[in-house]
């Protein structure tokens, strides 16, 4: 099944090379795949992940993905 994944800011370097012009990545994942499984597969350091969104809603990473789901992953951010 296909899902859309976007890694933001410093996490963007873990995206596979093939991306769409808007930065989204459509990925093939197996049925029963959780968000955390994808992050591990891409070797994203989990201690660098601060916020995960699934279809625009806050997620824990343990959610099982469905066809067409959209995932956004953010690192900690600071500003002032």
Protein backbone atom coordinates (compact mmCIF):
# COMPACT_ATOMS: atom_id res chain seq x y z
CA UNK A 1 0.00 0.00 0.00
CA UNK A 2 1.11 3.59 -0.52
CA UNK A 3 1.49 6.27 2.14
CA UNK A 4 2.93 9.79 2.05
CA UNK A 5 5.81 10.66 4.34
CA UNK A 6 7.42 14.00 5.06
CA UNK A 7 10.37 14.48 7.39
CA UNK A 8 10.90 18.09 8.41
CA UNK A 9 13.94 20.25 9.23
CA UNK A 10 17.00 18.26 10.33
CA UNK A 11 15.17 14.95 9.76
CA UNK A 12 14.81 15.63 6.02
CA UNK A 13 18.24 14.14 5.34
CA UNK A 14 16.84 10.68 6.19
CA UNK A 15 14.34 10.81 3.32
CA UNK A 16 15.03 8.47 0.42
CA UNK A 17 16.56 10.26 -2.56
CA UNK A 18 13.45 10.03 -4.77
CA UNK A 19 11.05 12.76 -3.62
CA UNK A 20 8.29 14.79 -5.21
CA UNK A 21 8.85 18.48 -5.91
CA UNK A 22 6.88 19.46 -2.79
CA UNK A 23 9.11 17.29 -0.58
CA UNK A 24 6.51 14.58 -0.03
CA UNK A 25 7.55 11.00 -0.51
CA UNK A 26 5.15 8.33 -1.56
CA UNK A 27 6.30 5.04 -0.13
CA UNK A 28 5.20 1.46 -0.50
CA UNK A 29 4.74 -0.20 2.88
CA UNK A 30 3.41 -3.60 3.87
CA UNK A 31 0.05 -4.08 5.55
CA UNK A 32 0.45 -3.86 9.32
CA UNK A 33 3.32 -1.36 9.18
CA UNK A 34 3.46 1.20 12.01
CA UNK A 35 4.97 4.68 11.72
CA UNK A 36 7.81 3.68 14.03
CA UNK A 37 8.66 0.80 11.65
CA UNK A 38 9.21 3.26 8.80
CA UNK A 39 11.37 5.54 10.93
CA UNK A 40 13.54 2.59 11.94
CA UNK A 41 13.79 1.41 8.33
CA UNK A 42 15.00 4.89 7.29
CA UNK A 43 17.43 4.90 10.25
CA UNK A 44 15.92 8.07 11.73
CA UNK A 45 17.31 8.49 15.26
CA UNK A 46 14.19 8.15 17.40
CA UNK A 47 15.65 10.45 20.06
CA UNK A 48 15.57 13.21 17.41
CA UNK A 49 11.82 12.78 16.75
CA UNK A 50 9.66 15.20 18.75
CA UNK A 51 6.25 15.36 17.03
CA UNK A 52 4.49 12.97 14.66
CA UNK A 53 1.30 13.73 12.76
CA UNK A 54 -0.89 11.16 11.05
CA UNK A 55 -3.40 12.72 8.64
CA UNK A 56 -3.03 16.04 10.45
CA UNK A 57 -3.58 14.65 13.96
CA UNK A 58 -0.99 14.08 16.67
CA UNK A 59 0.28 10.49 16.70
CA UNK A 60 2.47 8.36 18.96
CA UNK A 61 4.23 6.41 16.21
CA UNK A 62 2.62 3.12 17.15
CA UNK A 63 -0.35 3.62 14.80
CA UNK A 64 -0.77 1.05 12.03
CA UNK A 65 -0.87 2.76 8.65
CA UNK A 66 -3.58 2.44 6.01
CA UNK A 67 -3.58 3.12 2.27
CA UNK A 68 -3.21 6.84 1.54
CA UNK A 69 -2.22 7.90 5.07
CA UNK A 70 -0.10 11.06 5.38
CA UNK A 71 2.67 11.14 7.98
CA UNK A 72 4.68 14.19 9.08
CA UNK A 73 7.62 13.92 11.46
CA UNK A 74 9.29 16.87 13.23
CA UNK A 75 12.43 17.19 15.34
CA UNK A 76 12.61 19.39 18.45
CA UNK A 77 12.67 23.06 17.50
CA UNK A 78 13.84 26.12 19.35
CA UNK A 79 13.47 29.77 18.71
CA UNK A 80 13.16 33.05 20.34
